[in-house]
């Protein structure tokens, strides 16, 4: 019987030693190693879930409401008008007042007046004037806008 008691005592001691060793390893601080860093899961910005941006939805309207809105809008009637622009390289236009070519000069940033001419609702032509000649011509299409 003594041998049975000895057999029982021996394994208990062995388990006690192993449990002490486990407790000691748990208490000791873990050192970070390169392998541990490599094994750690990497999170990339692509993998991170993106926050859904709430887009405001346009109010839904019926076809009848859209048609009424279109009818109530003022219809644009094209009107002959004049604008002032820089003379660009390669301009081949002639001034209607002095009948000279509207020339581009590299060192001088000269201006021209361009007029879109409409008859009724239909575009007809473009007329060019030197900036100095347009007032002399009597500003036929109103004051030139910038």
Protein backbone atom coordinates (compact mmCIF):
# COMPACT_ATOMS: atom_id res chain seq x y z
CA UNK A 1 0.00 0.00 0.00
CA UNK A 2 2.86 2.23 0.58
CA UNK A 3 3.70 2.04 -3.05
CA UNK A 4 0.20 3.16 -3.97
CA UNK A 5 0.50 6.14 -1.70
CA UNK A 6 3.90 6.96 -3.18
CA UNK A 7 2.48 6.68 -6.70
CA UNK A 8 -0.33 9.07 -5.81
CA UNK A 9 2.02 11.53 -4.16
CA UNK A 10 4.41 11.65 -7.08
CA UNK A 11 1.92 12.67 -9.70
CA UNK A 12 0.47 15.33 -7.45
CA UNK A 13 3.88 16.85 -6.98
CA UNK A 14 4.46 16.80 -10.70
CA UNK A 15 1.19 18.55 -11.36
CA UNK A 16 1.96 21.06 -8.69
CA UNK A 17 5.27 21.84 -10.33
CA UNK A 18 3.71 22.24 -13.75
CA UNK A 19 0.94 24.47 -12.41
CA UNK A 20 3.56 26.63 -10.66
CA UNK A 21 5.49 26.90 -13.88
CA UNK A 22 2.37 27.93 -15.74
CA UNK A 23 1.55 30.53 -13.10
CA UNK A 24 5.07 31.92 -13.34
CA UNK A 25 4.85 32.27 -17.11
CA UNK A 26 1.49 33.99 -16.83
CA UNK A 27 2.81 36.47 -14.27
CA UNK A 28 5.94 37.32 -16.28
CA UNK A 29 5.44 40.22 -18.74
CA UNK A 30 5.44 39.15 -22.35
CA UNK A 31 8.06 40.60 -24.60
CA UNK A 32 6.94 41.64 -28.04
CA UNK A 33 8.75 39.86 -30.77
CA UNK A 34 8.89 40.38 -34.46
CA UNK A 35 7.03 37.15 -35.05
CA UNK A 36 4.23 38.28 -32.75
CA UNK A 37 3.98 41.55 -34.66
CA UNK A 38 3.87 39.70 -37.95
CA UNK A 39 1.13 37.41 -36.72
CA UNK A 40 -1.00 40.29 -35.53
CA UNK A 41 -3.84 40.99 -37.96
CA UNK A 42 -3.23 44.04 -40.06
CA UNK A 43 -6.04 46.45 -40.67
CA UNK A 44 -5.89 48.57 -43.75
CA UNK A 45 -7.95 51.65 -44.52
CA UNK A 46 -9.54 49.72 -47.35
CA UNK A 47 -10.68 46.96 -45.01
CA UNK A 48 -12.19 49.40 -42.54
CA UNK A 49 -15.90 49.88 -43.10
CA UNK A 50 -16.72 53.22 -44.59
CA UNK A 51 -19.29 55.38 -42.96
CA UNK A 52 -22.35 55.76 -45.13
CA UNK A 53 -22.79 59.33 -46.14
CA UNK A 54 -26.39 60.25 -46.10
CA UNK A 55 -27.28 61.88 -49.37
CA UNK A 56 -30.27 64.13 -49.25
CA UNK A 57 -32.89 62.82 -51.56
CA UNK A 58 -34.61 65.19 -53.90
CA UNK A 59 -38.30 65.48 -53.28
CA UNK A 60 -40.19 63.34 -55.74
CA UNK A 61 -42.65 65.17 -57.90
CA UNK A 62 -45.23 63.91 -60.27
CA UNK A 63 -45.03 64.38 -64.01
CA UNK A 64 -47.92 66.82 -63.86
CA UNK A 65 -46.12 69.00 -61.30
CA UNK A 66 -42.94 68.97 -63.41
CA UNK A 67 -44.87 70.02 -66.52
CA UNK A 68 -46.56 72.86 -64.64
CA UNK A 69 -43.18 74.02 -63.33
CA UNK A 70 -41.77 74.04 -66.86
CA UNK A 71 -44.75 75.99 -68.17
CA UNK A 72 -44.45 78.59 -65.42
CA UNK A 73 -40.78 79.25 -66.15
CA UNK A 74 -40.12 82.26 -68.34
CA UNK A 75 -39.10 81.15 -71.80
CA UNK A 76 -35.81 82.60 -72.93
CA UNK A 77 -36.11 84.60 -76.11
CA UNK A 78 -32.73 85.15 -77.76
CA UNK A 79 -31.94 88.82 -78.20
CA UNK A 80 -29.12 90.37 -80.19
CA UNK A 81 -26.37 91.43 -77.81
CA UNK A 82 -22.79 92.69 -77.73
CA UNK A 83 -19.88 91.58 -75.54
CA UNK A 84 -16.29 92.76 -75.17
CA UNK A 85 -13.54 90.14 -75.59
CA UNK A 86 -9.78 90.03 -76.13
CA UNK A 87 -8.65 89.61 -79.71
CA UNK A 88 -7.29 86.07 -80.05
CA UNK A 89 -4.48 84.90 -82.28
CA UNK A 90 -5.67 83.86 -85.72
CA UNK A 91 -8.68 86.18 -85.75
CA UNK A 92 -9.74 86.75 -89.37
CA UNK A 93 -12.75 89.02 -88.77
CA UNK A 94 -13.29 92.47 -90.24
CA UNK A 95 -14.70 95.44 -88.36
CA UNK A 96 -18.11 96.39 -89.80
CA UNK A 97 -17.58 100.07 -89.05
CA UNK A 98 -14.10 100.77 -90.46
CA UNK A 99 -13.90 97.61 -92.63
CA UNK A 100 -10.37 96.86 -91.47
CA UNK A 101 -9.21 93.52 -90.16
CA UNK A 102 -9.48 92.98 -86.39
CA UNK A 103 -5.81 92.08 -85.79
CA UNK A 104 -4.12 90.23 -82.99
CA UNK A 105 -0.93 91.88 -81.75
CA UNK A 106 1.20 89.96 -79.25
CA UNK A 107 2.45 92.92 -77.23
CA UNK A 108 -0.87 94.79 -77.24
CA UNK A 109 -3.89 93.16 -75.65
CA UNK A 110 -6.52 94.84 -77.79
CA UNK A 111 -10.25 94.37 -77.33
CA UNK A 112 -13.00 93.67 -79.82
CA UNK A 113 -16.78 93.76 -79.58
CA UNK A 114 -18.54 90.62 -80.73
CA UNK A 115 -22.26 90.79 -81.49
CA UNK A 116 -24.61 87.81 -81.85
CA UNK A 117 -27.40 88.84 -84.19
CA UNK A 118 -30.82 87.18 -84.01
CA UNK A 119 -33.86 87.66 -86.21
CA UNK A 120 -36.93 86.53 -84.36
CA UNK A 121 -35.81 83.48 -82.39
CA UNK A 122 -33.22 82.36 -84.94
CA UNK A 123 -29.50 83.14 -84.77
CA UNK A 124 -28.28 84.77 -88.00
CA UNK A 125 -24.64 85.84 -87.72
CA UNK A 126 -21.78 87.24 -85.63
CA UNK A 127 -20.55 90.79 -86.18
CA UNK A 128 -17.14 92.07 -85.07
CA UNK A 129 -16.08 95.62 -84.20
CA UNK A 130 -12.93 97.19 -82.82
CA UNK A 131 -13.55 98.33 -79.26
CA UNK A 132 -13.05 101.95 -80.40
CA UNK A 133 -15.29 101.60 -83.48
CA UNK A 134 -18.36 100.18 -81.71
CA UNK A 135 -19.39 103.44 -79.98
CA UNK A 136 -18.70 105.32 -83.24
CA UNK A 137 -21.07 102.94 -85.03
CA UNK A 138 -23.82 103.98 -82.61
CA UNK A 139 -23.78 100.83 -80.48
CA UNK A 140 -26.32 99.02 -82.69
CA UNK A 141 -26.81 96.11 -80.25
CA UNK A 142 -26.70 98.02 -76.96
CA UNK A 143 -23.88 98.65 -74.54
CA UNK A 144 -21.22 95.96 -74.82
CA UNK A 145 -21.06 93.75 -71.73
CA UNK A 146 -17.82 92.45 -70.27
